[in-house]
Amino acid sequence: MSPFRTILTIFLLLSSLTLLAQDASNLFYDIGLVIEDTTGLDLNTPQESTQPGELSMEQLALEEELNRYVQKLAETEIRLRYQTMVIDSLQSEISLIKAAGETDKALLTTKITDLVNQQEQANASPAYSITPNAVSDSAFAELETPWNAAVVKKVPTSPAPVGSPLTTKEEQAAYRLGLTKFHQEYYYQAIKEFNTIVHRGTDLNMKANAQYWVGRCYYEKGQYDEAISTLEQVQRYTSSDKLDDALVLIGLAFKNKNRLPEAKLAFQELVTKHPGSEYLTLAKRFVQE
């Protein structure tokens, strides 16, 4: 074969291959086959690469969000502690206000009683009568009581403290302070203030009230013998409005000592001598038991 024919044969073969390739492409298109790039990569766009040890943008965003929640939690805890302190402070103030309210109420009652007594004194005999035992300088003179035979530890007799009689303002100040200490449960400090009125006071109604509160302080401390002995002395002030209160506490003190016969005697005394008392129902129930 000549060289010319060889070149011509090669050319014809190449042309045939080209035509076959185009026909194959058209054939795929005609039968609905489309060859797509499934990698999803844009070769013209630079790709981000995550190196080992580095956080992705999503992880960084989550970490920032977590830090914000931690900060909010810390702020909430601080506010909670502050509010707790405020609540504790308010509770203390409420206790003081309550004590002051009770004190003012007691003082107002005392003033009203004084005015009534002054009116009665102007029209008749003195409103207060004190039993003969009260002539003694002792604030804890013995009294004849229905339960006198009961074995009770008496409060030691002590001389009145040296000092001039209290003025009206001094009495009221001591009474107010005593009630405040009582409501704060500083019972011994309250006893000291009330005893100042008992020994150096001049207002009989105030002295009777102070004597009652001394006994009430002993009762709250669980010193029932001392409470009974002290509360008995309230009975010296026969026109005091604390007589029935004192008898109730005497009865309850005997009951707490498991001395039920003496407790009934105290409650019977209340029923007999104070039929209009607010404690009458309670006293009758104990008497009937």
Protein backbone atom coordinates (compact mmCIF):
# COMPACT_ATOMS: atom_id res chain seq x y z
CA MET A 1 0.00 0.00 0.00
CA SER A 2 1.22 3.43 -0.90
CA PRO A 3 1.85 6.14 1.75
CA PHE A 4 -0.99 8.26 0.36
CA ARG A 5 -3.50 5.53 0.86
CA THR A 6 -2.26 4.89 4.41
CA ILE A 7 -2.74 8.54 5.44
CA LEU A 8 -6.18 8.61 3.84
CA THR A 9 -7.23 5.47 5.70
CA ILE A 10 -6.12 6.93 9.09
CA PHE A 11 -8.00 10.17 8.42
CA LEU A 12 -11.16 8.28 7.58
CA LEU A 13 -10.90 6.24 10.79
CA LEU A 14 -10.52 9.34 12.96
CA SER A 15 -13.51 10.96 11.31
CA SER A 16 -15.61 7.88 11.95
CA LEU A 17 -14.68 7.84 15.66
CA THR A 18 -15.68 11.50 16.05
CA LEU A 19 -19.03 10.90 14.44
CA LEU A 20 -19.64 7.87 16.67
CA ALA A 21 -18.96 9.91 19.83
CA GLN A 22 -21.44 12.62 18.82
CA ASP A 23 -24.04 10.01 17.98
CA ALA A 24 -23.60 8.32 21.36
CA SER A 25 -24.13 11.64 23.17
CA ASN A 26 -27.25 12.35 21.19
CA LEU A 27 -28.44 8.82 21.91
CA PHE A 28 -28.15 9.28 25.72
CA TYR A 29 -30.04 12.56 25.47
CA ASP A 30 -32.75 10.99 23.34
CA ILE A 31 -33.42 8.15 25.76
CA GLY A 32 -33.55 10.54 28.81
CA LEU A 33 -30.21 9.84 30.43
CA VAL A 34 -28.43 12.86 31.84
CA ILE A 35 -25.07 12.53 33.44
CA GLU A 36 -24.80 15.07 36.31
CA ASP A 37 -22.03 16.12 38.66
CA THR A 38 -23.00 14.67 42.05
CA THR A 39 -20.04 15.99 44.00
CA GLY A 40 -21.68 19.38 44.60
CA LEU A 41 -18.35 21.06 44.49
CA ASP A 42 -17.79 24.29 42.75
CA LEU A 43 -14.32 24.06 41.40
CA ASN A 44 -14.15 27.85 41.07
CA THR A 45 -15.03 28.45 44.76
CA PRO A 46 -12.31 27.98 47.42
CA GLN A 47 -13.39 25.35 50.01
CA GLU A 48 -13.07 25.81 53.79
CA SER A 49 -11.00 23.23 55.54
CA THR A 50 -11.23 22.34 59.24
CA GLN A 51 -7.93 21.48 60.76
CA PRO A 52 -7.76 18.98 63.62
CA GLY A 53 -8.31 20.75 67.03
CA GLU A 54 -10.19 23.70 65.48
CA LEU A 55 -13.91 24.45 66.23
CA SER A 56 -16.41 24.99 63.49
CA MET A 57 -18.50 28.16 63.33
CA GLU A 58 -21.54 26.27 64.64
CA GLN A 59 -19.62 24.95 67.63
CA LEU A 60 -18.32 28.43 68.44
CA ALA A 61 -21.87 29.83 68.31
CA LEU A 62 -23.11 27.11 70.69
CA GLU A 63 -20.27 27.79 73.11
CA GLU A 64 -21.06 31.53 73.14
CA GLU A 65 -24.73 30.77 73.82
CA LEU A 66 -23.78 28.49 76.72
CA ASN A 67 -21.57 31.21 78.19
CA ARG A 68 -24.48 33.66 78.05
CA TYR A 69 -26.73 31.24 79.93
CA VAL A 70 -24.08 30.68 82.59
CA GLN A 71 -23.73 34.44 83.06
CA LYS A 72 -27.51 34.87 83.36
CA LEU A 73 -27.63 32.08 85.94
CA ALA A 74 -24.93 33.77 88.01
CA GLU A 75 -26.78 37.10 87.85
CA THR A 76 -30.03 35.40 88.90
CA GLU A 77 -28.30 33.79 91.87
CA ILE A 78 -26.94 37.16 92.99
CA ARG A 79 -30.41 38.74 92.75
CA LEU A 80 -31.89 35.83 94.70
CA ARG A 81 -29.38 36.27 97.51
CA TYR A 82 -30.11 39.99 97.66
CA GLN A 83 -33.86 39.38 97.76
CA THR A 84 -33.37 36.85 100.56
CA MET A 85 -31.48 39.47 102.57
CA VAL A 86 -34.26 41.98 101.94
CA ILE A 87 -36.90 39.47 103.08
CA ASP A 88 -34.95 38.72 106.28
CA SER A 89 -34.64 42.44 106.96
CA LEU A 90 -38.36 42.96 106.38
CA GLN A 91 -39.22 40.12 108.75
CA SER A 92 -37.13 41.78 111.47
CA GLU A 93 -38.86 45.09 110.84
CA ILE A 94 -42.26 43.39 110.96
CA SER A 95 -41.37 41.89 114.35
CA LEU A 96 -40.36 45.31 115.66
CA ILE A 97 -43.50 46.93 114.27
CA LYS A 98 -45.64 44.21 115.82
CA ALA A 99 -43.91 44.70 119.17
CA ALA A 100 -44.37 48.46 118.93
CA GLY A 101 -48.04 47.97 118.05
CA GLU A 102 -48.62 45.71 121.04
CA THR A 103 -46.82 48.22 123.24
CA ASP A 104 -48.87 51.17 122.00
CA LYS A 105 -52.05 49.16 122.49
CA ALA A 106 -51.07 48.34 126.06
CA LEU A 107 -50.15 51.95 126.80
CA LEU A 108 -53.42 53.17 125.31
CA THR A 109 -55.34 50.69 127.46
CA THR A 110 -53.46 51.93 130.49
CA LYS A 111 -54.29 55.56 129.71
CA ILE A 112 -57.97 54.75 129.21
CA THR A 113 -58.07 52.84 132.48
CA ASP A 114 -56.39 55.75 134.26
CA LEU A 115 -58.98 58.16 132.93
CA VAL A 116 -61.80 55.88 134.07
CA ASN A 117 -60.21 55.50 137.47
CA GLN A 118 -59.77 59.24 137.85
CA GLN A 119 -63.44 59.74 137.08
CA GLU A 120 -64.44 57.08 139.62
CA GLN A 121 -62.12 58.58 142.22
CA ALA A 122 -63.76 61.95 141.72
CA ASN A 123 -67.20 60.44 142.34
CA ALA A 124 -66.53 57.77 144.94
CA SER A 125 -63.76 55.86 146.70
CA PRO A 126 -60.40 55.06 145.07
CA ALA A 127 -60.67 52.61 142.22
CA TYR A 128 -57.86 50.42 143.47
CA SER A 129 -57.84 48.53 146.69
CA ILE A 130 -54.80 46.52 147.64
CA THR A 131 -54.88 43.56 150.01
CA PRO A 132 -53.27 44.02 153.42
CA ASN A 133 -50.33 41.90 152.37
CA ALA A 134 -49.37 44.65 149.97
CA VAL A 135 -48.32 46.84 152.88
CA SER A 136 -45.06 44.93 152.88
CA ASP A 137 -42.19 46.45 150.95
CA SER A 138 -41.69 43.10 149.29
CA ALA A 139 -43.12 42.80 145.81
CA PHE A 140 -43.61 39.07 146.46
CA ALA A 141 -45.59 39.00 149.71
CA GLU A 142 -47.47 35.76 150.41
CA LEU A 143 -51.13 35.59 149.46
CA GLU A 144 -53.90 33.32 150.61
CA THR A 145 -54.93 31.40 147.51
CA PRO A 146 -57.07 28.29 146.97
CA TRP A 147 -53.93 26.43 145.94
CA ASN A 148 -51.77 27.81 148.74
CA ALA A 149 -50.95 24.31 150.02
CA ALA A 150 -49.36 23.39 146.70
CA VAL A 151 -45.61 23.02 146.78
CA VAL A 152 -44.40 25.86 144.60
CA LYS A 153 -40.94 27.30 144.37
CA LYS A 154 -41.38 30.89 145.44
CA VAL A 155 -39.47 33.69 143.80
CA PRO A 156 -36.91 34.90 146.39
CA THR A 157 -37.94 38.08 148.14
CA SER A 158 -35.59 40.88 147.20
CA PRO A 159 -35.53 44.45 148.45
CA ALA A 160 -36.74 47.12 146.10
CA PRO A 161 -33.88 48.66 144.14
CA VAL A 162 -32.63 51.95 145.46
CA GLY A 163 -33.83 54.87 143.42
CA SER A 164 -36.40 57.60 143.26
CA PRO A 165 -39.93 56.82 142.10
CA LEU A 166 -40.34 56.74 138.34
CA THR A 167 -42.00 59.59 136.55
CA THR A 168 -44.90 58.89 134.23
CA LYS A 169 -42.64 59.13 131.19
CA GLU A 170 -40.05 56.86 132.78
CA GLU A 171 -42.73 54.28 133.62
CA GLN A 172 -44.09 54.32 130.09
CA ALA A 173 -40.59 54.07 128.60
CA ALA A 174 -39.74 51.07 130.81
CA TYR A 175 -43.07 49.43 129.99
CA ARG A 176 -42.58 49.98 126.27
CA LEU A 177 -39.04 48.60 126.38
CA GLY A 178 -40.16 45.63 128.46
CA LEU A 179 -42.87 44.69 125.95
CA THR A 180 -40.46 45.12 123.06
CA LYS A 181 -37.95 42.78 124.73
CA PHE A 182 -40.75 40.30 125.46
CA HIS A 183 -41.86 40.14 121.82
CA GLN A 184 -38.23 39.75 120.79
CA GLU A 185 -38.05 36.81 123.26
CA TYR A 186 -35.40 38.51 125.40
CA TYR A 187 -37.32 37.45 128.49
CA TYR A 188 -34.77 38.19 131.20
CA GLN A 189 -34.19 41.69 129.83
CA ALA A 190 -37.96 42.17 129.80
CA ILE A 191 -38.20 40.99 133.42
CA LYS A 192 -35.63 43.58 134.41
CA GLU A 193 -37.62 46.42 132.81
CA PHE A 194 -40.95 45.27 134.27
CA ASN A 195 -39.48 44.80 137.75
CA THR A 196 -38.28 48.41 137.63
CA ILE A 197 -41.93 49.42 137.35
CA VAL A 198 -43.03 46.92 140.01
CA HIS A 199 -40.53 48.31 142.55
CA ARG A 200 -40.33 51.99 141.63
CA GLY A 201 -43.53 52.70 139.75
CA THR A 202 -46.29 54.93 141.09
CA ASP A 203 -49.15 54.07 138.71
CA LEU A 204 -51.02 51.13 140.25
CA ASN A 205 -52.46 49.95 136.95
CA MET A 206 -49.02 50.04 135.34
CA LYS A 207 -47.54 48.16 138.32
CA ALA A 208 -50.21 45.45 138.04
CA ASN A 209 -49.59 45.08 134.32
CA ALA A 210 -45.83 44.94 134.84
CA GLN A 211 -46.28 42.26 137.53
CA TYR A 212 -48.33 40.20 135.08
CA TRP A 213 -45.68 40.47 132.36
CA VAL A 214 -42.95 39.36 134.76
CA GLY A 215 -44.96 36.19 135.39
CA ARG A 216 -45.64 35.80 131.68
CA CYS A 217 -41.90 35.94 130.95
CA TYR A 218 -41.23 33.17 133.49
CA TYR A 219 -44.06 31.14 131.94
CA GLU A 220 -42.61 31.50 128.43
CA LYS A 221 -39.23 30.34 129.78
CA GLY A 222 -40.88 27.22 131.21
CA GLN A 223 -40.09 28.28 134.80
CA TYR A 224 -43.57 27.47 136.04
CA ASP A 225 -42.94 27.75 139.79
CA GLU A 226 -41.54 31.24 139.38
CA ALA A 227 -44.42 32.11 137.06
CA ILE A 228 -47.05 30.98 139.59
CA SER A 229 -45.39 32.80 142.46
CA THR A 230 -45.14 36.01 140.44
CA LEU A 231 -48.61 35.87 138.91
CA GLU A 232 -50.16 35.40 142.36
CA GLN A 233 -49.06 38.95 143.19
CA VAL A 234 -51.27 40.38 140.46
CA GLN A 235 -54.23 39.44 142.69
CA ARG A 236 -53.17 42.20 145.09
CA TYR A 237 -54.45 44.75 142.59
CA THR A 238 -58.12 43.90 142.92
CA SER A 239 -59.27 46.27 140.15
CA SER A 240 -56.64 45.32 137.59
CA ASP A 241 -57.80 44.08 134.21
CA LYS A 242 -55.02 41.46 134.35
CA LEU A 243 -56.56 39.39 137.15
CA ASP A 244 -58.21 36.85 134.87
CA ASP A 245 -55.14 36.73 132.58
CA ALA A 246 -52.97 35.91 135.59
CA LEU A 247 -55.35 33.18 136.79
CA VAL A 248 -55.36 31.53 133.37
CA LEU A 249 -51.57 31.40 133.30
CA ILE A 250 -51.47 30.07 136.87
CA GLY A 251 -53.86 27.28 135.87
CA LEU A 252 -51.88 26.46 132.74
CA ALA A 253 -48.61 26.49 134.69
CA PHE A 254 -50.03 23.98 137.21
CA LYS A 255 -51.30 21.87 134.31
CA ASN A 256 -47.85 21.89 132.68
CA LYS A 257 -46.44 20.73 136.03
CA ASN A 258 -49.02 17.90 135.97
CA ARG A 259 -50.65 19.35 139.09
CA LEU A 260 -54.23 19.05 137.84
CA PRO A 261 -56.05 19.58 141.20
CA GLU A 262 -54.31 22.93 141.69
CA ALA A 263 -54.92 23.83 138.03
CA LYS A 264 -58.66 23.24 138.51
CA LEU A 265 -58.63 25.43 141.63
CA ALA A 266 -57.11 28.29 139.63
CA PHE A 267 -59.64 27.91 136.80
CA GLN A 268 -62.50 27.65 139.32
CA GLU A 269 -61.29 30.90 140.88
CA LEU A 270 -61.56 32.53 137.45
CA VAL A 271 -65.08 31.15 136.88
CA THR A 272 -66.25 32.36 140.29
CA LYS A 273 -64.70 35.82 140.36
CA HIS A 274 -64.63 36.75 136.66
CA PRO A 275 -67.85 35.53 135.00
CA GLY A 276 -67.39 38.04 132.19
CA SER A 277 -63.86 36.95 131.30
CA GLU A 278 -62.96 36.07 127.75
CA TYR A 279 -61.34 32.94 129.19
CA LEU A 280 -64.55 31.70 130.85
CA THR A 281 -65.23 28.92 128.32
CA LEU A 282 -61.67 27.64 128.61
CA ALA A 283 -61.77 27.74 132.40
CA LYS A 284 -65.09 25.88 132.60
CA ARG A 285 -63.81 23.16 130.32
CA PHE A 286 -60.80 22.56 132.58
CA VAL A 287 -62.95 22.60 135.70
CA GLN A 288 -65.31 19.98 134.25
CA GLU A 289 -62.53 17.61 133.17
